[in-house]
Amino acid sequence: MVRDELVSTLRIISEDPRILGQAVLIPDNCEKYGFSEGTFDLPTLLHFLADMLE
C-alpha cells in the first residue's frame, strides 16, 4: 500500500545523518492545516509524521 511505503520512507529519511540538526520553520497561519507555528527539528518532525500516518 502506498501509505505504508510513505511511512517507511519518512522513517528512513528521518534517520539520515545528512538532515541531523536541520530545522523546519512552520509559519503563522498554518493552524488551518493542523500545524503549530514554530521551529521544529526536521528528523523529529518526519518521524512524527510517519507515526501519525501509521
N, C-alpha and C. Protein backbone atom coordinates (compact mmCIF):
# COMPACT_ATOMS: atom_id res chain seq x y z
N MET A 1 0.84 -1.17 0.00
CA MET A 1 0.00 0.00 0.00
C MET A 1 0.90 1.25 0.00
N VAL A 2 0.48 2.26 -0.68
CA VAL A 2 1.27 3.50 -0.80
C VAL A 2 1.52 4.13 0.56
N ARG A 3 0.52 4.08 1.41
CA ARG A 3 0.67 4.70 2.74
C ARG A 3 1.80 4.04 3.53
N ASP A 4 1.88 2.72 3.47
CA ASP A 4 2.96 2.00 4.16
C ASP A 4 4.33 2.39 3.60
N GLU A 5 4.41 2.55 2.30
CA GLU A 5 5.66 2.97 1.67
C GLU A 5 6.05 4.38 2.12
N LEU A 6 5.07 5.25 2.21
CA LEU A 6 5.33 6.62 2.66
C LEU A 6 5.83 6.63 4.10
N VAL A 7 5.20 5.85 4.96
CA VAL A 7 5.62 5.75 6.37
C VAL A 7 7.07 5.26 6.44
N SER A 8 7.38 4.20 5.70
CA SER A 8 8.74 3.65 5.70
C SER A 8 9.75 4.67 5.19
N THR A 9 9.40 5.37 4.14
CA THR A 9 10.30 6.36 3.55
C THR A 9 10.55 7.51 4.53
N LEU A 10 9.51 8.00 5.18
CA LEU A 10 9.67 9.08 6.16
C LEU A 10 10.58 8.65 7.30
N ARG A 11 10.42 7.40 7.76
CA ARG A 11 11.27 6.91 8.86
C ARG A 11 12.72 6.79 8.41
N ILE A 12 12.94 6.31 7.21
CA ILE A 12 14.31 6.18 6.69
C ILE A 12 14.95 7.56 6.57
N ILE A 13 14.23 8.50 6.00
CA ILE A 13 14.76 9.85 5.83
C ILE A 13 15.01 10.51 7.19
N SER A 14 14.14 10.26 8.16
CA SER A 14 14.31 10.88 9.48
C SER A 14 15.59 10.42 10.17
N GLU A 15 16.14 9.29 9.75
CA GLU A 15 17.37 8.77 10.34
C GLU A 15 18.61 9.09 9.51
N ASP A 16 18.44 9.79 8.41
CA ASP A 16 19.56 10.13 7.53
C ASP A 16 20.44 11.18 8.22
N PRO A 17 21.72 10.88 8.39
CA PRO A 17 22.61 11.82 9.08
C PRO A 17 22.76 13.17 8.37
N ARG A 18 22.43 13.24 7.10
CA ARG A 18 22.56 14.50 6.36
C ARG A 18 21.55 15.54 6.81
N ILE A 19 20.47 15.12 7.47
CA ILE A 19 19.48 16.11 7.92
C ILE A 19 19.52 16.34 9.43
N LEU A 20 20.44 15.67 10.13
CA LEU A 20 20.57 15.90 11.57
C LEU A 20 20.90 17.36 11.82
N GLY A 21 20.25 17.92 12.80
CA GLY A 21 20.49 19.32 13.16
C GLY A 21 19.75 20.33 12.31
N GLN A 22 19.03 19.87 11.29
CA GLN A 22 18.28 20.80 10.46
C GLN A 22 16.90 21.06 11.08
N ALA A 23 16.37 22.22 10.80
CA ALA A 23 15.08 22.60 11.37
C ALA A 23 14.12 23.03 10.26
N VAL A 24 12.85 22.99 10.59
CA VAL A 24 11.79 23.43 9.68
C VAL A 24 11.05 24.56 10.39
N LEU A 25 10.85 25.64 9.67
CA LEU A 25 10.07 26.75 10.20
C LEU A 25 8.66 26.65 9.65
N ILE A 26 7.70 26.48 10.54
CA ILE A 26 6.30 26.46 10.14
C ILE A 26 5.75 27.85 10.44
N PRO A 27 5.36 28.58 9.39
CA PRO A 27 4.94 29.96 9.57
C PRO A 27 3.56 30.08 10.21
N ASP A 28 3.24 31.30 10.57
CA ASP A 28 1.93 31.63 11.12
C ASP A 28 0.87 31.28 10.08
N ASN A 29 -0.33 31.07 10.52
CA ASN A 29 -1.49 30.76 9.67
C ASN A 29 -1.50 29.33 9.14
N CYS A 30 -0.65 28.45 9.67
CA CYS A 30 -0.69 27.05 9.25
C CYS A 30 -1.59 26.21 10.15
N GLU A 31 -2.23 26.87 11.11
CA GLU A 31 -3.14 26.15 12.00
C GLU A 31 -4.26 25.48 11.22
N LYS A 32 -4.67 26.11 10.10
CA LYS A 32 -5.75 25.54 9.30
C LYS A 32 -5.36 24.20 8.69
N TYR A 33 -4.04 23.91 8.64
CA TYR A 33 -3.56 22.63 8.14
C TYR A 33 -3.20 21.68 9.29
N GLY A 34 -3.41 22.12 10.52
CA GLY A 34 -3.14 21.27 11.67
C GLY A 34 -1.75 21.40 12.25
N PHE A 35 -1.00 22.44 11.85
CA PHE A 35 0.36 22.63 12.34
C PHE A 35 0.44 23.86 13.23
N SER A 36 1.26 23.78 14.23
CA SER A 36 1.50 24.93 15.11
C SER A 36 2.68 25.73 14.58
N GLU A 37 2.60 27.02 14.73
CA GLU A 37 3.69 27.90 14.32
C GLU A 37 4.92 27.62 15.17
N GLY A 38 6.09 27.66 14.55
CA GLY A 38 7.33 27.50 15.30
C GLY A 38 8.42 26.84 14.48
N THR A 39 9.54 26.63 15.13
CA THR A 39 10.68 25.97 14.51
C THR A 39 10.79 24.57 15.11
N PHE A 40 10.93 23.58 14.25
CA PHE A 40 10.93 22.19 14.69
C PHE A 40 12.11 21.43 14.10
N ASP A 41 12.62 20.49 14.86
CA ASP A 41 13.70 19.62 14.41
C ASP A 41 13.19 18.74 13.26
N LEU A 42 13.85 18.80 12.11
CA LEU A 42 13.37 18.10 10.92
C LEU A 42 13.28 16.58 11.11
N PRO A 43 14.32 15.91 11.62
CA PRO A 43 14.19 14.46 11.80
C PRO A 43 13.03 14.08 12.73
N THR A 44 12.85 14.83 13.79
CA THR A 44 11.76 14.56 14.73
C THR A 44 10.41 14.78 14.07
N LEU A 45 10.29 15.84 13.29
CA LEU A 45 9.04 16.13 12.60
C LEU A 45 8.70 15.03 11.59
N LEU A 46 9.69 14.57 10.84
CA LEU A 46 9.44 13.50 9.86
C LEU A 46 9.02 12.20 10.55
N HIS A 47 9.67 11.88 11.66
CA HIS A 47 9.30 10.68 12.41
C HIS A 47 7.88 10.82 12.97
N PHE A 48 7.56 11.99 13.47
CA PHE A 48 6.21 12.26 13.97
C PHE A 48 5.17 12.08 12.86
N LEU A 49 5.45 12.61 11.68
CA LEU A 49 4.52 12.47 10.56
C LEU A 49 4.33 11.00 10.19
N ALA A 50 5.42 10.23 10.22
CA ALA A 50 5.33 8.80 9.95
C ALA A 50 4.42 8.11 10.97
N ASP A 51 4.61 8.44 12.24
CA ASP A 51 3.77 7.87 13.30
C ASP A 51 2.31 8.22 13.09
N MET A 52 2.05 9.45 12.70
CA MET A 52 0.67 9.89 12.51
C MET A 52 0.01 9.19 11.31
N LEU A 53 0.79 8.90 10.29
CA LEU A 53 0.24 8.23 9.11
C LEU A 53 0.02 6.72 9.32
N GLU A 54 0.75 6.19 10.28
CA GLU A 54 0.69 4.74 10.51
C GLU A 54 -0.63 4.30 11.08
